[in-house]
């Protein structure tokens, strides 16, 4: 389930970046709103799956509440899920 969560975290982050830096500028700067709905829907679905999986993993892996809250809050700012995924689930260093 960690592997699925990592994939969803990356996809959720990508969808947020596409929404904030492509779809929204197209709507508000170039008056082209047709990309907001599908991008926003994809982002909303991925965000929901991200939070559900984080909650399931919290109880399955007995995460401390602090870690769980940080992981959930990481879904809010742009690039947050990328940083979180690397910090908590990245490959360990070989040092």
Foldseek 3Di string as FASTA:
>chain_A
DLVVLLVLLVQLLVLVCCQPPPQVCCCPVVVDNPVNVVSVVSNVVSLVVNLVVLVVCCVVVVPPPVLSVQCNVLSPDRCSSVVNCCVPPNDDDPD
